[in-house]
Protein backbone atom coordinates (compact mmCIF):
# COMPACT_ATOMS: atom_id res chain seq x y z
CA UNK A 1 -84.58 87.58 -213.73
CA UNK A 2 -82.48 89.41 -216.31
CA UNK A 3 -81.19 87.61 -219.39
CA UNK A 4 -78.22 89.00 -221.30
CA UNK A 5 -76.46 87.81 -224.43
CA UNK A 6 -72.69 87.68 -224.08
CA UNK A 7 -71.64 87.64 -227.73
CA UNK A 8 -67.96 86.94 -227.05
CA UNK A 9 -65.43 86.26 -224.29
CA UNK A 10 -64.70 90.03 -224.35
CA UNK A 11 -68.34 90.73 -223.49
CA UNK A 12 -68.14 88.17 -220.67
CA UNK A 13 -65.22 90.17 -219.28
CA UNK A 14 -67.14 93.45 -219.67
CA UNK A 15 -70.10 91.95 -217.82
CA UNK A 16 -67.75 90.87 -215.03
CA UNK A 17 -66.55 94.46 -214.73
CA UNK A 18 -70.17 95.58 -214.35
CA UNK A 19 -70.58 93.07 -211.51
CA UNK A 20 -67.33 94.31 -209.95
CA UNK A 21 -68.78 97.81 -209.74
CA UNK A 22 -72.05 96.60 -208.18
CA UNK A 23 -71.16 93.80 -205.75
CA UNK A 24 -70.14 94.77 -202.23
CA UNK A 25 -69.35 92.52 -199.27
CA UNK A 26 -70.96 90.50 -197.93
CA UNK A 27 -72.13 88.82 -201.11
CA UNK A 28 -72.54 85.21 -202.19
CA UNK A 29 -72.69 84.64 -205.95
CA UNK A 30 -73.41 81.21 -207.38
CA UNK A 31 -72.56 80.37 -210.98
CA UNK A 32 -74.10 77.44 -212.79
CA UNK A 33 -73.40 76.28 -216.31
CA UNK A 34 -72.00 73.47 -218.37
CA UNK A 35 -68.27 73.06 -218.87
CA UNK A 36 -66.90 75.75 -221.15
CA UNK A 37 -69.61 78.35 -220.60
CA UNK A 38 -67.20 80.92 -219.17
CA UNK A 39 -67.70 80.62 -215.42
CA UNK A 40 -64.01 80.91 -214.56
CA UNK A 41 -63.47 83.58 -217.24
CA UNK A 42 -66.17 85.68 -215.60
CA UNK A 43 -64.76 85.28 -212.08
CA UNK A 44 -61.20 85.96 -213.25
CA UNK A 45 -62.33 89.20 -214.95
CA UNK A 46 -64.25 90.21 -211.82
CA UNK A 47 -61.14 89.68 -209.69
CA UNK A 48 -58.99 91.71 -212.09
CA UNK A 49 -61.56 94.52 -212.05
CA UNK A 50 -61.39 94.54 -208.24
CA UNK A 51 -57.63 95.00 -208.33
CA UNK A 52 -56.28 91.46 -208.01
CA UNK A 53 -52.86 91.22 -209.64
CA UNK A 54 -50.59 88.25 -210.14
CA UNK A 55 -51.76 84.72 -210.89
CA UNK A 56 -55.50 84.09 -210.79
CA UNK A 57 -55.85 80.35 -211.02
CA UNK A 58 -58.90 78.15 -211.30
CA UNK A 59 -59.70 76.38 -208.05
CA UNK A 60 -60.85 73.21 -209.80
CA UNK A 61 -58.42 70.99 -207.94
CA UNK A 62 -57.89 73.05 -204.78
CA UNK A 63 -61.63 73.85 -204.33
CA UNK A 64 -60.92 77.43 -203.19
CA UNK A 65 -58.69 80.40 -203.93
CA UNK A 66 -58.74 83.62 -201.93
CA UNK A 67 -57.59 87.09 -202.91
CA UNK A 68 -57.72 90.66 -201.63
CA UNK A 69 -59.24 93.49 -203.64
CA UNK A 70 -57.86 97.00 -203.90
CA UNK A 71 -60.04 98.21 -201.01
CA UNK A 72 -58.99 95.40 -198.67
CA UNK A 73 -62.07 93.26 -199.28
CA UNK A 74 -61.67 89.49 -199.32
CA UNK A 75 -62.57 87.81 -202.61
CA UNK A 76 -63.12 84.06 -202.70
CA UNK A 77 -63.50 81.78 -205.71
CA UNK A 78 -64.79 78.29 -204.95
CA UNK A 79 -65.21 75.50 -207.49
CA UNK A 80 -67.24 72.61 -206.09
CA UNK A 81 -67.11 70.45 -209.24
CA UNK A 82 -65.06 67.75 -207.50
CA UNK A 83 -66.83 68.04 -204.15
CA UNK A 84 -69.26 65.26 -203.32
CA UNK A 85 -72.39 65.72 -201.29
CA UNK A 86 -72.29 64.17 -197.84
CA UNK A 87 -68.95 63.76 -196.09
CA UNK A 88 -67.06 66.14 -198.44
CA UNK A 89 -69.61 68.89 -197.87
CA UNK A 90 -69.70 68.32 -194.12
CA UNK A 91 -65.91 68.67 -193.88
CA UNK A 92 -65.63 71.82 -195.98
CA UNK A 93 -64.82 74.97 -193.95
CA UNK A 94 -67.76 77.08 -195.18
CA UNK A 95 -67.34 79.75 -192.49
CA UNK A 96 -63.87 80.56 -193.83
CA UNK A 97 -65.43 81.73 -197.11
CA UNK A 98 -68.69 83.42 -196.11
CA UNK A 99 -67.46 86.34 -194.01
CA UNK A 100 -68.98 89.79 -193.65
CA UNK A 101 -66.04 91.34 -195.55
CA UNK A 102 -66.12 88.86 -198.46
CA UNK A 103 -67.50 88.55 -201.95
CA UNK A 104 -67.63 84.81 -202.62
CA UNK A 105 -68.17 83.18 -206.02
CA UNK A 106 -69.19 79.52 -206.05
CA UNK A 107 -69.03 77.52 -209.27
CA UNK A 108 -71.00 74.27 -209.35
CA UNK A 109 -72.98 75.18 -206.18
CA UNK A 110 -75.23 72.10 -206.25
CA UNK A 111 -72.66 70.04 -204.31
CA UNK A 112 -72.89 72.50 -201.42
CA UNK A 113 -76.56 73.36 -201.74
CA UNK A 114 -77.48 71.96 -198.33
CA UNK A 115 -74.68 73.89 -196.57
CA UNK A 116 -74.69 77.18 -198.48
CA UNK A 117 -76.96 80.07 -197.52
CA UNK A 118 -79.20 81.53 -200.22
CA UNK A 119 -77.21 83.31 -202.89
CA UNK A 120 -77.42 87.09 -203.17
CA UNK A 121 -76.84 86.73 -206.91
CA UNK A 122 -77.40 83.60 -208.96
CA UNK A 123 -75.87 83.41 -212.44
CA UNK A 124 -76.67 80.75 -215.02
CA UNK A 125 -74.49 80.57 -218.13
CA UNK A 126 -75.80 78.74 -221.19
CA UNK A 127 -74.16 77.97 -224.54
CA UNK A 128 -75.88 79.81 -227.40
CA UNK A 129 -73.25 79.44 -230.14
CA UNK A 130 -69.63 78.27 -229.99
CA UNK A 131 -68.62 81.82 -228.87
CA UNK A 132 -71.74 83.36 -227.35
CA UNK A 133 -73.51 82.70 -224.07
CA UNK A 134 -76.78 83.57 -222.45
CA UNK A 135 -76.45 84.67 -218.83
CA UNK A 136 -79.48 84.64 -216.57
CA UNK A 137 -79.07 86.79 -213.49
CA UNK A 138 -81.33 86.29 -210.48
CA UNK A 139 -81.06 88.85 -207.67
CA UNK A 140 -83.04 91.62 -206.02
CA UNK A 141 -85.02 93.77 -208.45
CA UNK A 142 -82.73 96.75 -207.81
CA UNK A 143 -79.57 94.72 -208.45
CA UNK A 144 -81.04 93.17 -211.60
CA UNK A 145 -81.94 96.61 -212.99
CA UNK A 146 -78.51 98.05 -212.14
CA UNK A 147 -76.78 95.05 -213.76
CA UNK A 148 -78.95 95.31 -216.88
CA UNK A 149 -78.31 99.06 -217.14
CA UNK A 150 -74.56 98.57 -216.65
CA UNK A 151 -74.49 95.78 -219.24
CA UNK A 152 -76.39 97.92 -221.76
CA UNK A 153 -73.88 100.74 -221.22
CA UNK A 154 -71.14 98.19 -222.06
CA UNK A 155 -72.84 97.23 -225.33
CA UNK A 156 -74.28 93.97 -224.02
CA UNK A 157 -77.78 93.19 -225.29
CA UNK A 158 -80.60 91.84 -223.23
CA UNK A 159 -81.14 88.22 -224.26
CA UNK A 160 -84.08 85.97 -224.82
CA UNK A 161 -86.10 85.03 -221.78
CA UNK A 162 -85.94 81.47 -220.44
CA UNK A 163 -89.14 80.39 -222.21
CA UNK A 164 -87.61 81.21 -225.60
CA UNK A 165 -84.54 79.02 -225.08
CA UNK A 166 -84.56 75.51 -226.55
CA UNK A 167 -85.09 72.76 -223.99
CA UNK A 168 -81.54 71.47 -224.51
CA UNK A 169 -80.14 74.81 -223.33
CA UNK A 170 -82.01 74.84 -220.03
CA UNK A 171 -79.93 73.78 -217.04
CA UNK A 172 -81.17 70.87 -214.95
CA UNK A 173 -83.14 72.19 -212.00
CA UNK A 174 -83.78 75.62 -213.53
CA UNK A 175 -87.06 76.81 -214.84
């Protein structure tokens, strides 16, 4: 696990650009965090860095938005906040969003946890201050190191490890 301090929304966008350089299809990225931690900001910046132009809207009400990157890759952004476990999950067309040519981001993945395969990259965003966030990145050791190196090159500092965070900042189900 790598922990990074995102001191501002601008640093969140820089971190997204680092991810845009590293992630290649097929990839499933889950993003957990309370409301307002910057999940959609991060995905939007990733999409922009991959060449998506035009409107990039949050899929909070539509559940999914799909785009194409500059190299023809499919980029999906799913928001499962309004999806209920059970019948909603069973009816969702998962195969449409988990293709071999896709990078798929899933916000609020808990609703689909029984249907989703294991994430290639798991991101947890936590409030630190009104403007700063802690991001915990869980992935392969090589990806974690590359992400940490890329973030450092962008002026993003490694953050406190999970054990140093106050209990109120720890997400339910994470440890």
